[in-house]
Amino acid sequence: MSINDDVLAIAGTWVGTPYRHQGSTKGVGCDCLGLIRGIWRELYAGEPEVVPAYAPDWAERAREERLIEAAERHFLAVSSFEKSRPGDLVLFRFRPHLAAKHAGILASLPDSVREAGVISEAI
């Protein structure tokens, strides 16, 4: 099995976890970052780095690419979405001029596992 297969298997066990801002506990509650942190902990038995408290509107107020910067410290970037594979981390921005503030795991094209609770749906 590849790391991407492991990520997908773990992500699938989070489906049904309700949304909780700053949460990262499977079955109890998580936000999108909490989902990624929880998968990381199951893979590597620890947190990748300390995550400071953050408000729901952190990206709008900070106007910095904090999510992308953190992802670049721990993940390898692909040159385009078309080169992504199931199990890859995906980051979203809601408008071109706003910072990326949502994360998920690419399950397959066009589905993804993401927060809102944790659900699996077509994107």
N, C-alpha and C. Protein backbone atom coordinates (compact mmCIF):
# COMPACT_ATOMS: atom_id res chain seq x y z
N MET A 1 0.83 -1.19 0.00
CA MET A 1 0.00 0.00 0.00
C MET A 1 0.87 1.25 0.00
N SER A 2 0.42 2.27 -0.71
CA SER A 2 1.13 3.54 -0.74
C SER A 2 0.65 4.44 0.40
N ILE A 3 1.37 5.52 0.64
CA ILE A 3 0.95 6.48 1.65
C ILE A 3 -0.41 7.06 1.26
N ASN A 4 -0.66 7.28 -0.03
CA ASN A 4 -1.95 7.81 -0.46
C ASN A 4 -3.07 6.83 -0.13
N ASP A 5 -2.82 5.53 -0.30
CA ASP A 5 -3.82 4.52 0.06
C ASP A 5 -4.09 4.55 1.56
N ASP A 6 -3.03 4.70 2.36
CA ASP A 6 -3.18 4.79 3.81
C ASP A 6 -4.00 6.02 4.20
N VAL A 7 -3.69 7.16 3.56
CA VAL A 7 -4.43 8.39 3.85
C VAL A 7 -5.92 8.20 3.53
N LEU A 8 -6.23 7.62 2.39
CA LEU A 8 -7.63 7.40 2.02
C LEU A 8 -8.33 6.46 2.99
N ALA A 9 -7.65 5.42 3.41
CA ALA A 9 -8.26 4.47 4.36
C ALA A 9 -8.55 5.18 5.68
N ILE A 10 -7.61 5.96 6.17
CA ILE A 10 -7.82 6.68 7.43
C ILE A 10 -8.91 7.73 7.26
N ALA A 11 -8.85 8.50 6.18
CA ALA A 11 -9.87 9.54 5.95
C ALA A 11 -11.27 8.95 5.94
N GLY A 12 -11.42 7.78 5.36
CA GLY A 12 -12.73 7.13 5.33
C GLY A 12 -13.28 6.83 6.71
N THR A 13 -12.40 6.60 7.68
CA THR A 13 -12.86 6.32 9.05
C THR A 13 -13.35 7.58 9.76
N TRP A 14 -13.06 8.75 9.18
CA TRP A 14 -13.50 10.03 9.76
C TRP A 14 -14.88 10.45 9.24
N VAL A 15 -15.37 9.82 8.19
CA VAL A 15 -16.68 10.19 7.64
C VAL A 15 -17.73 10.04 8.74
N GLY A 16 -18.54 11.07 8.91
CA GLY A 16 -19.56 11.10 9.96
C GLY A 16 -19.15 11.90 11.17
N THR A 17 -17.86 12.26 11.27
CA THR A 17 -17.41 13.11 12.38
C THR A 17 -18.02 14.50 12.21
N PRO A 18 -18.71 15.03 13.22
CA PRO A 18 -19.35 16.34 13.07
C PRO A 18 -18.33 17.48 13.04
N TYR A 19 -18.77 18.62 12.50
CA TYR A 19 -17.94 19.81 12.46
C TYR A 19 -17.82 20.40 13.85
N ARG A 20 -16.58 20.72 14.26
CA ARG A 20 -16.28 21.45 15.48
C ARG A 20 -15.08 22.33 15.19
N HIS A 21 -15.26 23.64 15.29
CA HIS A 21 -14.16 24.56 15.05
C HIS A 21 -12.98 24.21 15.96
N GLN A 22 -11.82 24.08 15.39
CA GLN A 22 -10.55 23.74 16.04
C GLN A 22 -10.51 22.30 16.57
N GLY A 23 -11.52 21.51 16.32
CA GLY A 23 -11.51 20.13 16.78
C GLY A 23 -10.63 19.27 15.89
N SER A 24 -10.15 18.15 16.45
CA SER A 24 -9.37 17.20 15.65
C SER A 24 -9.51 15.79 16.23
N THR A 25 -10.72 15.45 16.69
CA THR A 25 -10.95 14.15 17.31
C THR A 25 -11.98 13.37 16.50
N LYS A 26 -11.54 12.25 15.97
CA LYS A 26 -12.43 11.41 15.16
C LYS A 26 -13.67 11.00 15.95
N GLY A 27 -14.82 11.15 15.32
CA GLY A 27 -16.07 10.75 15.94
C GLY A 27 -16.63 11.77 16.91
N VAL A 28 -15.82 12.74 17.32
CA VAL A 28 -16.25 13.76 18.28
C VAL A 28 -16.45 15.09 17.57
N GLY A 29 -15.46 15.54 16.81
CA GLY A 29 -15.59 16.78 16.07
C GLY A 29 -14.27 17.26 15.51
N CYS A 30 -14.35 17.86 14.31
CA CYS A 30 -13.16 18.43 13.68
C CYS A 30 -13.57 19.48 12.67
N ASP A 31 -12.62 20.35 12.37
CA ASP A 31 -12.76 21.23 11.21
C ASP A 31 -11.82 20.67 10.14
N CYS A 32 -11.67 21.39 9.05
CA CYS A 32 -10.86 20.84 7.96
C CYS A 32 -9.41 20.62 8.37
N LEU A 33 -8.83 21.56 9.11
CA LEU A 33 -7.46 21.38 9.59
C LEU A 33 -7.38 20.23 10.58
N GLY A 34 -8.40 20.09 11.41
CA GLY A 34 -8.43 18.98 12.37
C GLY A 34 -8.46 17.62 11.69
N LEU A 35 -9.16 17.54 10.57
CA LEU A 35 -9.18 16.29 9.79
C LEU A 35 -7.77 15.95 9.33
N ILE A 36 -7.07 16.94 8.77
CA ILE A 36 -5.71 16.70 8.28
C ILE A 36 -4.78 16.34 9.44
N ARG A 37 -4.91 17.04 10.56
CA ARG A 37 -4.09 16.74 11.74
C ARG A 37 -4.37 15.35 12.27
N GLY A 38 -5.64 14.95 12.30
CA GLY A 38 -5.99 13.62 12.80
C GLY A 38 -5.43 12.51 11.92
N ILE A 39 -5.51 12.70 10.62
CA ILE A 39 -4.92 11.71 9.70
C ILE A 39 -3.41 11.66 9.91
N TRP A 40 -2.78 12.82 10.04
CA TRP A 40 -1.34 12.87 10.27
C TRP A 40 -0.97 12.09 11.54
N ARG A 41 -1.73 12.31 12.63
CA ARG A 41 -1.44 11.61 13.89
C ARG A 41 -1.55 10.10 13.72
N GLU A 42 -2.55 9.64 12.97
CA GLU A 42 -2.70 8.19 12.77
C GLU A 42 -1.55 7.63 11.93
N LEU A 43 -1.03 8.42 11.03
CA LEU A 43 0.09 7.97 10.20
C LEU A 43 1.43 8.02 10.94
N TYR A 44 1.65 9.11 11.71
CA TYR A 44 2.97 9.38 12.26
C TYR A 44 3.03 9.46 13.78
N ALA A 45 1.90 9.26 14.47
CA ALA A 45 1.85 9.22 15.93
C ALA A 45 2.27 10.53 16.60
N GLY A 46 1.99 11.65 15.98
CA GLY A 46 2.28 12.94 16.59
C GLY A 46 1.79 14.06 15.70
N GLU A 47 1.80 15.26 16.24
CA GLU A 47 1.39 16.44 15.48
C GLU A 47 2.55 16.92 14.62
N PRO A 48 2.28 17.43 13.42
CA PRO A 48 3.37 17.95 12.59
C PRO A 48 3.98 19.23 13.15
N GLU A 49 3.17 20.04 13.81
CA GLU A 49 3.64 21.26 14.48
C GLU A 49 2.53 21.74 15.39
N VAL A 50 2.87 22.64 16.30
CA VAL A 50 1.88 23.21 17.21
C VAL A 50 0.98 24.15 16.42
N VAL A 51 -0.32 23.97 16.56
CA VAL A 51 -1.28 24.82 15.87
C VAL A 51 -1.83 25.83 16.88
N PRO A 52 -1.59 27.12 16.64
CA PRO A 52 -2.14 28.13 17.55
C PRO A 52 -3.65 28.23 17.40
N ALA A 53 -4.32 28.78 18.40
CA ALA A 53 -5.75 29.01 18.30
C ALA A 53 -6.02 29.92 17.11
N TYR A 54 -7.17 29.70 16.46
CA TYR A 54 -7.53 30.51 15.30
C TYR A 54 -9.03 30.75 15.29
N ALA A 55 -9.41 31.93 14.86
CA ALA A 55 -10.82 32.31 14.75
C ALA A 55 -11.38 31.78 13.43
N PRO A 56 -12.71 31.61 13.34
CA PRO A 56 -13.28 31.15 12.07
C PRO A 56 -12.95 32.05 10.88
N ASP A 57 -12.72 33.33 11.11
CA ASP A 57 -12.41 34.25 10.02
C ASP A 57 -10.92 34.58 9.94
N TRP A 58 -10.06 33.68 10.40
CA TRP A 58 -8.63 33.94 10.46
C TRP A 58 -8.05 34.36 9.11
N ALA A 59 -8.48 33.75 8.03
CA ALA A 59 -7.88 34.05 6.72
C ALA A 59 -8.25 35.45 6.25
N GLU A 60 -9.48 35.85 6.51
CA GLU A 60 -9.91 37.18 6.09
C GLU A 60 -9.18 38.27 6.87
N ARG A 61 -8.95 38.03 8.15
CA ARG A 61 -8.30 39.03 8.99
C ARG A 61 -6.79 39.08 8.78
N ALA A 62 -6.17 37.92 8.61
CA ALA A 62 -4.71 37.87 8.52
C ALA A 62 -4.19 38.29 7.15
N ARG A 63 -4.94 37.97 6.10
CA ARG A 63 -4.53 38.28 4.73
C ARG A 63 -3.16 37.69 4.40
N GLU A 64 -2.87 36.55 5.00
CA GLU A 64 -1.63 35.83 4.74
C GLU A 64 -1.99 34.42 4.31
N GLU A 65 -1.09 33.76 3.62
CA GLU A 65 -1.32 32.39 3.15
C GLU A 65 -0.82 31.38 4.19
N ARG A 66 -1.33 31.47 5.41
CA ARG A 66 -0.85 30.62 6.49
C ARG A 66 -1.09 29.14 6.21
N LEU A 67 -2.22 28.79 5.65
CA LEU A 67 -2.52 27.38 5.37
C LEU A 67 -1.56 26.83 4.31
N ILE A 68 -1.35 27.59 3.26
CA ILE A 68 -0.41 27.16 2.22
C ILE A 68 1.01 27.08 2.78
N GLU A 69 1.41 28.06 3.56
CA GLU A 69 2.76 28.05 4.14
C GLU A 69 2.96 26.82 5.03
N ALA A 70 1.96 26.49 5.83
CA ALA A 70 2.07 25.30 6.69
C ALA A 70 2.12 24.03 5.84
N ALA A 71 1.29 23.96 4.83
CA ALA A 71 1.29 22.78 3.95
C ALA A 71 2.64 22.60 3.27
N GLU A 72 3.25 23.70 2.84
CA GLU A 72 4.55 23.61 2.18
C GLU A 72 5.65 23.12 3.11
N ARG A 73 5.46 23.26 4.42
CA ARG A 73 6.46 22.76 5.37
C ARG A 73 6.39 21.24 5.54
N HIS A 74 5.25 20.63 5.17
CA HIS A 74 5.05 19.21 5.48
C HIS A 74 4.65 18.33 4.30
N PHE A 75 4.30 18.93 3.17
CA PHE A 75 3.82 18.17 2.02
C PHE A 75 4.57 18.60 0.76
N LEU A 76 4.62 17.71 -0.21
CA LEU A 76 5.21 18.05 -1.50
C LEU A 76 4.12 18.62 -2.41
N ALA A 77 4.41 19.70 -3.07
CA ALA A 77 3.44 20.32 -3.98
C ALA A 77 3.44 19.58 -5.32
N VAL A 78 2.28 19.57 -5.96
CA VAL A 78 2.19 19.09 -7.34
C VAL A 78 2.01 20.33 -8.22
N SER A 79 2.41 20.22 -9.46
CA SER A 79 2.42 21.39 -10.33
C SER A 79 1.04 21.83 -10.80
N SER A 80 0.07 20.92 -10.76
CA SER A 80 -1.29 21.28 -11.17
C SER A 80 -2.27 20.29 -10.56
N PHE A 81 -3.53 20.71 -10.46
CA PHE A 81 -4.55 19.83 -9.90
C PHE A 81 -4.68 18.56 -10.73
N GLU A 82 -4.49 18.66 -12.02
CA GLU A 82 -4.60 17.49 -12.90
C GLU A 82 -3.58 16.40 -12.55
N LYS A 83 -2.49 16.78 -11.89
CA LYS A 83 -1.47 15.81 -11.50
C LYS A 83 -1.70 15.26 -10.09
N SER A 84 -2.74 15.72 -9.43
CA SER A 84 -3.06 15.22 -8.09
C SER A 84 -3.54 13.79 -8.18
N ARG A 85 -3.36 13.07 -7.08
CA ARG A 85 -3.81 11.68 -6.99
C ARG A 85 -4.69 11.52 -5.78
N PRO A 86 -5.61 10.57 -5.81
CA PRO A 86 -6.41 10.29 -4.61
C PRO A 86 -5.49 10.08 -3.41
N GLY A 87 -5.85 10.72 -2.30
CA GLY A 87 -5.04 10.67 -1.09
C GLY A 87 -4.21 11.92 -0.89
N ASP A 88 -4.15 12.79 -1.91
CA ASP A 88 -3.40 14.04 -1.79
C ASP A 88 -4.20 15.06 -0.98
N LEU A 89 -3.46 15.93 -0.30
CA LEU A 89 -4.04 17.08 0.37
C LEU A 89 -4.42 18.10 -0.70
N VAL A 90 -5.62 18.67 -0.57
CA VAL A 90 -6.03 19.75 -1.46
C VAL A 90 -6.42 20.95 -0.61
N LEU A 91 -6.05 22.13 -1.07
CA LEU A 91 -6.37 23.38 -0.40
C LEU A 91 -7.28 24.19 -1.31
N PHE A 92 -8.20 24.93 -0.69
CA PHE A 92 -9.17 25.70 -1.46
C PHE A 92 -9.15 27.16 -1.02
N ARG A 93 -9.38 28.04 -1.98
CA ARG A 93 -9.69 29.43 -1.67
C ARG A 93 -11.07 29.68 -2.25
N PHE A 94 -11.86 30.45 -1.54
CA PHE A 94 -13.24 30.67 -1.95
C PHE A 94 -13.38 31.76 -3.01
N ARG A 95 -12.41 32.64 -3.10
CA ARG A 95 -12.36 33.68 -4.12
C ARG A 95 -10.90 33.86 -4.51
N PRO A 96 -10.62 34.21 -5.77
CA PRO A 96 -9.22 34.32 -6.20
C PRO A 96 -8.39 35.29 -5.37
N HIS A 97 -8.97 36.33 -4.83
CA HIS A 97 -8.21 37.34 -4.08
C HIS A 97 -8.11 37.03 -2.58
N LEU A 98 -8.71 35.94 -2.13
CA LEU A 98 -8.68 35.58 -0.71
C LEU A 98 -7.65 34.49 -0.45
N ALA A 99 -7.17 34.43 0.77
CA ALA A 99 -6.23 33.37 1.16
C ALA A 99 -6.93 32.01 1.14
N ALA A 100 -6.17 30.98 0.87
CA ALA A 100 -6.70 29.61 0.97
C ALA A 100 -7.06 29.37 2.43
N LYS A 101 -8.27 28.83 2.67
CA LYS A 101 -8.68 28.61 4.06
C LYS A 101 -9.47 27.32 4.25
N HIS A 102 -9.42 26.44 3.29
CA HIS A 102 -10.12 25.17 3.44
C HIS A 102 -9.22 24.05 2.91
N ALA A 103 -9.26 22.91 3.57
CA ALA A 103 -8.42 21.77 3.19
C ALA A 103 -9.27 20.51 3.14
N GLY A 104 -8.83 19.58 2.35
CA GLY A 104 -9.50 18.29 2.27
C GLY A 104 -8.54 17.26 1.71
N ILE A 105 -9.04 16.05 1.61
CA ILE A 105 -8.28 14.95 1.03
C ILE A 105 -8.98 14.55 -0.27
N LEU A 106 -8.23 14.52 -1.34
CA LEU A 106 -8.79 14.11 -2.62
C LEU A 106 -9.08 12.62 -2.56
N ALA A 107 -10.36 12.26 -2.67
CA ALA A 107 -10.74 10.85 -2.59
C ALA A 107 -10.67 10.20 -3.96
N SER A 108 -11.23 10.85 -4.94
CA SER A 108 -11.17 10.42 -6.33
C SER A 108 -11.67 11.60 -7.15
N LEU A 109 -11.49 11.54 -8.40
CA LEU A 109 -12.03 12.61 -9.23
C LEU A 109 -13.43 12.21 -9.64
N PRO A 110 -14.45 12.97 -9.32
CA PRO A 110 -14.44 14.29 -8.72
C PRO A 110 -14.82 14.33 -7.25
N ASP A 111 -14.73 13.25 -6.49
CA ASP A 111 -15.13 13.25 -5.09
C ASP A 111 -14.00 13.70 -4.18
N SER A 112 -14.36 14.12 -2.98
CA SER A 112 -13.36 14.45 -1.97
C SER A 112 -13.93 14.18 -0.59
N VAL A 113 -13.07 13.97 0.38
CA VAL A 113 -13.47 13.88 1.77
C VAL A 113 -13.11 15.22 2.38
N ARG A 114 -14.05 15.88 3.02
CA ARG A 114 -13.79 17.22 3.56
C ARG A 114 -14.63 17.44 4.79
N GLU A 115 -14.41 18.59 5.45
CA GLU A 115 -15.20 18.90 6.63
C GLU A 115 -16.52 19.53 6.29
N ALA A 116 -17.43 19.45 7.19
CA ALA A 116 -18.80 20.00 7.22
C ALA A 116 -19.51 18.95 8.00
N GLY A 117 -18.95 18.65 9.08
CA GLY A 117 -18.71 17.35 9.58
C GLY A 117 -17.73 16.78 8.59
N VAL A 118 -17.52 15.52 8.62
CA VAL A 118 -16.71 14.89 7.58
C VAL A 118 -17.67 14.10 6.72
N ILE A 119 -17.69 14.45 5.45
CA ILE A 119 -18.58 13.82 4.49
C ILE A 119 -17.78 13.45 3.25
N SER A 120 -18.34 12.64 2.42
CA SER A 120 -17.75 12.34 1.14
C SER A 120 -18.76 12.75 0.10
N GLU A 121 -18.34 13.65 -0.81
CA GLU A 121 -19.28 14.15 -1.81
C GLU A 121 -18.54 14.56 -3.06
N ALA A 122 -19.28 14.67 -4.15
CA ALA A 122 -18.71 15.17 -5.38
C ALA A 122 -18.42 16.65 -5.26
N ILE A 123 -17.33 17.10 -5.88
CA ILE A 123 -17.04 18.53 -5.88
C ILE A 123 -17.15 19.07 -7.29
